[in-house]
Amino acid sequence: MKINLSGHHVDVTDSIKEHINEKFSKIESHFPSLIALDIILSKEHHKFQAEISTNYEGARISVKGENEVMYPAISSAAKKLDAALKHRKGQIKANLHEKPVSTTPEIAHEIIQEMDLN
C-alpha cells in the first residue's frame, strides 16, 4: 500500500512517517485490496488535523481526526478509517446476498372482479 503524506504548516519528520507506517500496517493487512492512502497533516487554530482519503471498492472514503497533539490526531483518523472501511466491506457483502422477493397479496375485490358471477 502506498502512503502519500503531506504536511500543511507541519514538518513531516522521519518519526512521524514511522508512526504512520506503524498505524496503517494493520489496516493494510485487513484490507489487501487497498492501493493508496492520501494523508494530509495540518495545524490550524492550535489543533492538529489528520485528513485521510482513499478509494476502496469503488467508493471514495474520507476521514478526519483532530486533536491538540499530533499523534492522537493520527490515531483518531486511523480508527475512523478502519471503521469506514469495515462499513464499506459490509455493504459490499450485503449486496452479494440474494434479496427476498416480495409478492403482493391478492386483494379480495380484484378476485371478485375476475370471477364470472353470471
N, C-alpha and C. Protein backbone atom coordinates (compact mmCIF):
# COMPACT_ATOMS: atom_id res chain seq x y z
N MET A 1 0.85 -1.17 0.00
CA MET A 1 0.00 0.00 0.00
C MET A 1 0.90 1.24 0.00
N LYS A 2 0.54 2.17 -0.83
CA LYS A 2 1.32 3.41 -0.94
C LYS A 2 0.69 4.47 -0.06
N ILE A 3 1.51 5.16 0.70
CA ILE A 3 1.03 6.23 1.57
C ILE A 3 1.61 7.55 1.07
N ASN A 4 0.74 8.44 0.60
CA ASN A 4 1.14 9.77 0.17
C ASN A 4 0.94 10.71 1.35
N LEU A 5 2.03 11.22 1.90
CA LEU A 5 1.98 12.02 3.12
C LEU A 5 2.42 13.44 2.80
N SER A 6 1.61 14.41 3.22
CA SER A 6 1.98 15.81 3.05
C SER A 6 1.59 16.58 4.31
N GLY A 7 2.27 17.70 4.53
CA GLY A 7 2.01 18.49 5.71
C GLY A 7 1.75 19.94 5.36
N HIS A 8 0.76 20.53 5.99
CA HIS A 8 0.45 21.94 5.85
C HIS A 8 0.75 22.60 7.19
N HIS A 9 1.75 23.48 7.21
CA HIS A 9 2.20 24.14 8.43
C HIS A 9 2.74 23.13 9.44
N VAL A 10 3.15 21.97 8.95
CA VAL A 10 3.70 20.91 9.80
C VAL A 10 4.90 20.32 9.08
N ASP A 11 6.00 20.16 9.79
CA ASP A 11 7.16 19.47 9.22
C ASP A 11 6.97 17.97 9.39
N VAL A 12 7.03 17.25 8.28
CA VAL A 12 6.87 15.79 8.33
C VAL A 12 8.24 15.18 8.55
N THR A 13 8.46 14.70 9.76
CA THR A 13 9.76 14.13 10.12
C THR A 13 9.74 12.61 9.93
N ASP A 14 10.90 12.01 10.09
CA ASP A 14 11.01 10.56 9.96
C ASP A 14 10.21 9.84 11.04
N SER A 15 10.16 10.40 12.25
CA SER A 15 9.41 9.75 13.33
C SER A 15 7.91 9.77 13.03
N ILE A 16 7.43 10.84 12.39
CA ILE A 16 6.02 10.90 12.01
C ILE A 16 5.73 9.85 10.93
N LYS A 17 6.61 9.74 9.95
CA LYS A 17 6.45 8.74 8.89
C LYS A 17 6.44 7.33 9.48
N GLU A 18 7.33 7.09 10.43
CA GLU A 18 7.41 5.78 11.07
C GLU A 18 6.13 5.47 11.84
N HIS A 19 5.63 6.47 12.56
CA HIS A 19 4.39 6.30 13.33
C HIS A 19 3.21 6.00 12.40
N ILE A 20 3.14 6.70 11.28
CA ILE A 20 2.05 6.49 10.33
C ILE A 20 2.16 5.10 9.70
N ASN A 21 3.35 4.68 9.33
CA ASN A 21 3.51 3.33 8.76
C ASN A 21 3.11 2.26 9.77
N GLU A 22 3.43 2.48 11.04
CA GLU A 22 3.06 1.54 12.08
C GLU A 22 1.54 1.48 12.26
N LYS A 23 0.89 2.65 12.26
CA LYS A 23 -0.56 2.71 12.46
C LYS A 23 -1.33 2.05 11.32
N PHE A 24 -0.85 2.24 10.10
CA PHE A 24 -1.61 1.77 8.95
C PHE A 24 -1.18 0.40 8.45
N SER A 25 -0.23 -0.24 9.11
CA SER A 25 0.15 -1.60 8.72
C SER A 25 -0.99 -2.57 9.02
N LYS A 26 -1.72 -2.35 10.12
CA LYS A 26 -2.86 -3.20 10.48
C LYS A 26 -3.97 -3.05 9.43
N ILE A 27 -4.24 -1.83 9.04
CA ILE A 27 -5.28 -1.59 8.03
C ILE A 27 -4.87 -2.23 6.71
N GLU A 28 -3.59 -2.17 6.40
CA GLU A 28 -3.10 -2.77 5.16
C GLU A 28 -3.30 -4.28 5.16
N SER A 29 -3.12 -4.93 6.31
CA SER A 29 -3.29 -6.38 6.37
C SER A 29 -4.76 -6.78 6.34
N HIS A 30 -5.64 -5.94 6.89
CA HIS A 30 -7.07 -6.26 6.90
C HIS A 30 -7.74 -6.00 5.55
N PHE A 31 -7.22 -5.03 4.81
CA PHE A 31 -7.82 -4.66 3.52
C PHE A 31 -6.73 -4.70 2.45
N PRO A 32 -6.39 -5.90 1.95
CA PRO A 32 -5.28 -6.01 1.00
C PRO A 32 -5.56 -5.36 -0.36
N SER A 33 -6.83 -5.14 -0.71
CA SER A 33 -7.12 -4.51 -2.00
C SER A 33 -6.99 -2.99 -1.95
N LEU A 34 -6.65 -2.46 -0.79
CA LEU A 34 -6.44 -1.02 -0.63
C LEU A 34 -5.11 -0.66 -1.29
N ILE A 35 -5.15 0.27 -2.24
CA ILE A 35 -3.96 0.57 -3.03
C ILE A 35 -3.15 1.72 -2.43
N ALA A 36 -3.83 2.84 -2.12
CA ALA A 36 -3.10 4.02 -1.67
C ALA A 36 -3.90 4.81 -0.65
N LEU A 37 -3.19 5.51 0.21
CA LEU A 37 -3.80 6.43 1.17
C LEU A 37 -3.20 7.81 0.95
N ASP A 38 -4.04 8.83 0.94
CA ASP A 38 -3.58 10.21 0.88
C ASP A 38 -3.78 10.81 2.27
N ILE A 39 -2.70 11.17 2.92
CA ILE A 39 -2.75 11.70 4.28
C ILE A 39 -2.23 13.12 4.27
N ILE A 40 -3.03 14.03 4.83
CA ILE A 40 -2.63 15.43 4.95
C ILE A 40 -2.63 15.79 6.43
N LEU A 41 -1.47 16.16 6.93
CA LEU A 41 -1.34 16.62 8.31
C LEU A 41 -1.31 18.14 8.29
N SER A 42 -2.14 18.76 9.11
CA SER A 42 -2.17 20.22 9.14
C SER A 42 -2.36 20.72 10.56
N LYS A 43 -2.01 21.98 10.75
CA LYS A 43 -2.20 22.61 12.05
C LYS A 43 -2.95 23.92 11.82
N GLU A 44 -4.16 23.99 12.41
CA GLU A 44 -4.99 25.19 12.29
C GLU A 44 -5.58 25.51 13.64
N HIS A 45 -5.48 26.75 14.05
CA HIS A 45 -6.06 27.22 15.30
C HIS A 45 -5.60 26.38 16.49
N HIS A 46 -4.30 26.12 16.55
CA HIS A 46 -3.67 25.38 17.65
C HIS A 46 -4.19 23.95 17.78
N LYS A 47 -4.71 23.39 16.70
CA LYS A 47 -5.13 21.99 16.70
C LYS A 47 -4.54 21.30 15.48
N PHE A 48 -4.14 20.06 15.70
CA PHE A 48 -3.62 19.26 14.60
C PHE A 48 -4.76 18.47 13.97
N GLN A 49 -4.72 18.38 12.65
CA GLN A 49 -5.73 17.61 11.92
C GLN A 49 -5.02 16.61 11.03
N ALA A 50 -5.57 15.42 10.97
CA ALA A 50 -5.08 14.39 10.06
C ALA A 50 -6.25 14.01 9.15
N GLU A 51 -6.13 14.33 7.87
CA GLU A 51 -7.17 14.00 6.90
C GLU A 51 -6.67 12.84 6.05
N ILE A 52 -7.49 11.82 5.95
CA ILE A 52 -7.11 10.63 5.18
C ILE A 52 -8.20 10.38 4.15
N SER A 53 -7.80 10.17 2.91
CA SER A 53 -8.77 9.82 1.88
C SER A 53 -8.20 8.70 1.02
N THR A 54 -9.11 7.86 0.53
CA THR A 54 -8.72 6.72 -0.29
C THR A 54 -9.91 6.25 -1.11
N ASN A 55 -9.65 5.41 -2.07
CA ASN A 55 -10.70 4.74 -2.83
C ASN A 55 -10.68 3.28 -2.42
N TYR A 56 -11.86 2.75 -2.09
CA TYR A 56 -11.95 1.35 -1.71
C TYR A 56 -13.18 0.74 -2.34
N GLU A 57 -12.97 -0.22 -3.20
CA GLU A 57 -14.04 -0.96 -3.86
C GLU A 57 -15.06 -0.02 -4.51
N GLY A 58 -14.57 0.99 -5.20
CA GLY A 58 -15.46 1.88 -5.96
C GLY A 58 -16.05 3.03 -5.19
N ALA A 59 -15.67 3.22 -3.95
CA ALA A 59 -16.22 4.32 -3.15
C ALA A 59 -15.08 5.17 -2.61
N ARG A 60 -15.30 6.46 -2.58
CA ARG A 60 -14.31 7.39 -2.00
C ARG A 60 -14.57 7.49 -0.51
N ILE A 61 -13.56 7.22 0.29
CA ILE A 61 -13.69 7.26 1.74
C ILE A 61 -12.74 8.33 2.27
N SER A 62 -13.30 9.27 3.05
CA SER A 62 -12.51 10.33 3.64
C SER A 62 -12.83 10.44 5.12
N VAL A 63 -11.80 10.56 5.94
CA VAL A 63 -11.99 10.72 7.39
C VAL A 63 -11.06 11.82 7.88
N LYS A 64 -11.41 12.36 9.04
CA LYS A 64 -10.60 13.42 9.62
C LYS A 64 -10.49 13.19 11.13
N GLY A 65 -9.27 13.26 11.65
CA GLY A 65 -9.03 13.18 13.08
C GLY A 65 -8.46 14.50 13.55
N GLU A 66 -8.87 14.92 14.73
CA GLU A 66 -8.43 16.23 15.22
C GLU A 66 -8.10 16.14 16.70
N ASN A 67 -7.00 16.78 17.10
CA ASN A 67 -6.61 16.79 18.50
C ASN A 67 -5.59 17.91 18.69
N GLU A 68 -5.33 18.26 19.94
CA GLU A 68 -4.35 19.30 20.23
C GLU A 68 -2.93 18.78 20.11
N VAL A 69 -2.77 17.44 20.09
CA VAL A 69 -1.47 16.79 19.92
C VAL A 69 -1.53 15.99 18.62
N MET A 70 -0.42 15.95 17.88
CA MET A 70 -0.45 15.35 16.55
C MET A 70 -0.68 13.83 16.57
N TYR A 71 0.00 13.09 17.41
CA TYR A 71 -0.08 11.63 17.37
C TYR A 71 -1.49 11.11 17.71
N PRO A 72 -2.18 11.67 18.70
CA PRO A 72 -3.57 11.24 18.91
C PRO A 72 -4.50 11.62 17.74
N ALA A 73 -4.20 12.70 17.04
CA ALA A 73 -4.99 13.07 15.86
C ALA A 73 -4.83 12.01 14.77
N ILE A 74 -3.60 11.53 14.59
CA ILE A 74 -3.34 10.47 13.60
C ILE A 74 -4.04 9.18 14.02
N SER A 75 -3.97 8.85 15.31
CA SER A 75 -4.61 7.63 15.81
C SER A 75 -6.13 7.69 15.65
N SER A 76 -6.70 8.85 15.92
CA SER A 76 -8.15 9.03 15.78
C SER A 76 -8.57 8.84 14.32
N ALA A 77 -7.81 9.42 13.40
CA ALA A 77 -8.13 9.28 11.98
C ALA A 77 -7.98 7.82 11.54
N ALA A 78 -6.97 7.12 12.07
CA ALA A 78 -6.77 5.71 11.71
C ALA A 78 -7.94 4.86 12.19
N LYS A 79 -8.45 5.11 13.39
CA LYS A 79 -9.60 4.37 13.89
C LYS A 79 -10.83 4.64 13.05
N LYS A 80 -11.03 5.90 12.68
CA LYS A 80 -12.19 6.24 11.86
C LYS A 80 -12.09 5.61 10.47
N LEU A 81 -10.89 5.58 9.92
CA LEU A 81 -10.71 4.95 8.61
C LEU A 81 -10.99 3.45 8.68
N ASP A 82 -10.53 2.80 9.73
CA ASP A 82 -10.78 1.37 9.91
C ASP A 82 -12.28 1.11 9.98
N ALA A 83 -13.00 1.93 10.74
CA ALA A 83 -14.46 1.77 10.86
C ALA A 83 -15.15 2.01 9.52
N ALA A 84 -14.71 3.02 8.78
CA ALA A 84 -15.33 3.32 7.49
C ALA A 84 -15.07 2.21 6.48
N LEU A 85 -13.88 1.65 6.49
CA LEU A 85 -13.56 0.55 5.57
C LEU A 85 -14.36 -0.71 5.92
N LYS A 86 -14.52 -0.98 7.21
CA LYS A 86 -15.33 -2.13 7.63
C LYS A 86 -16.79 -1.94 7.21
N HIS A 87 -17.28 -0.71 7.33
CA HIS A 87 -18.66 -0.42 6.92
C HIS A 87 -18.84 -0.65 5.43
N ARG A 88 -17.88 -0.18 4.62
CA ARG A 88 -17.95 -0.36 3.17
C ARG A 88 -17.86 -1.84 2.81
N LYS A 89 -17.00 -2.59 3.51
CA LYS A 89 -16.86 -4.02 3.24
C LYS A 89 -18.18 -4.74 3.55
N GLY A 90 -18.85 -4.32 4.63
CA GLY A 90 -20.15 -4.90 4.98
C GLY A 90 -21.20 -4.60 3.93
N GLN A 91 -21.17 -3.37 3.38
CA GLN A 91 -22.11 -3.02 2.32
C GLN A 91 -21.90 -3.91 1.09
N ILE A 92 -20.67 -4.15 0.76
CA ILE A 92 -20.37 -4.98 -0.41
C ILE A 92 -20.83 -6.41 -0.18
N LYS A 93 -20.58 -6.94 1.03
CA LYS A 93 -21.02 -8.31 1.34
C LYS A 93 -22.54 -8.41 1.33
N ALA A 94 -23.22 -7.37 1.82
CA ALA A 94 -24.68 -7.39 1.86
C ALA A 94 -25.25 -7.40 0.45
N ASN A 95 -24.59 -6.75 -0.48
CA ASN A 95 -25.08 -6.73 -1.86
C ASN A 95 -24.88 -8.07 -2.56
N LEU A 96 -24.02 -8.92 -2.03
CA LEU A 96 -23.80 -10.23 -2.64
C LEU A 96 -24.93 -11.20 -2.32
N HIS A 97 -25.60 -10.98 -1.20
CA HIS A 97 -26.68 -11.87 -0.79
C HIS A 97 -27.92 -11.62 -1.64
N GLU A 98 -28.69 -12.67 -1.81
CA GLU A 98 -29.90 -12.56 -2.60
C GLU A 98 -30.99 -11.88 -1.77
N LYS A 99 -31.60 -10.88 -2.37
CA LYS A 99 -32.65 -10.14 -1.67
C LYS A 99 -33.96 -10.92 -1.73
N PRO A 100 -34.76 -10.90 -0.67
CA PRO A 100 -36.05 -11.59 -0.71
C PRO A 100 -37.00 -10.88 -1.69
N VAL A 101 -37.73 -11.67 -2.41
CA VAL A 101 -38.68 -11.13 -3.38
C VAL A 101 -40.03 -11.00 -2.69
N SER A 102 -40.55 -9.80 -2.70
CA SER A 102 -41.85 -9.60 -2.04
C SER A 102 -42.96 -9.83 -3.06
N THR A 103 -43.95 -10.57 -2.65
CA THR A 103 -45.10 -10.81 -3.51
C THR A 103 -46.27 -10.02 -2.95
N THR A 104 -47.03 -9.46 -3.84
CA THR A 104 -48.17 -8.67 -3.38
C THR A 104 -49.33 -9.61 -3.08
N PRO A 105 -50.00 -9.41 -1.96
CA PRO A 105 -51.14 -10.29 -1.63
C PRO A 105 -52.32 -9.96 -2.55
N GLU A 106 -53.07 -10.98 -2.83
CA GLU A 106 -54.24 -10.77 -3.68
C GLU A 106 -55.31 -10.03 -2.89
N ILE A 107 -55.88 -9.05 -3.53
CA ILE A 107 -56.90 -8.24 -2.88
C ILE A 107 -58.27 -8.82 -3.25
N ALA A 108 -59.15 -8.87 -2.27
CA ALA A 108 -60.45 -9.53 -2.44
C ALA A 108 -61.26 -8.94 -3.58
N HIS A 109 -61.32 -7.61 -3.72
CA HIS A 109 -62.18 -7.05 -4.77
C HIS A 109 -61.62 -7.34 -6.16
N GLU A 110 -60.29 -7.55 -6.29
CA GLU A 110 -59.74 -7.94 -7.59
C GLU A 110 -60.15 -9.36 -7.92
N ILE A 111 -60.21 -10.22 -6.94
CA ILE A 111 -60.61 -11.61 -7.16
C ILE A 111 -62.09 -11.66 -7.58
N ILE A 112 -62.91 -10.87 -6.94
CA ILE A 112 -64.35 -10.85 -7.27
C ILE A 112 -64.56 -10.32 -8.68
N GLN A 113 -63.79 -9.30 -9.08
CA GLN A 113 -63.95 -8.76 -10.43
C GLN A 113 -63.55 -9.77 -11.48
N GLU A 114 -62.61 -10.61 -11.20
CA GLU A 114 -62.17 -11.61 -12.16
C GLU A 114 -63.15 -12.78 -12.25
N MET A 115 -63.94 -12.98 -11.21
CA MET A 115 -64.88 -14.11 -11.20
C MET A 115 -66.06 -13.81 -12.12
N ASP A 116 -66.54 -14.86 -12.74
CA ASP A 116 -67.72 -14.73 -13.61
C ASP A 116 -68.94 -15.04 -12.73
N LEU A 117 -69.71 -13.98 -12.38
CA LEU A 117 -70.83 -14.14 -11.45
C LEU A 117 -72.17 -14.39 -12.15
N ASN A 118 -72.20 -14.65 -13.41
CA ASN A 118 -73.49 -14.91 -14.12
C ASN A 118 -74.00 -16.28 -13.95
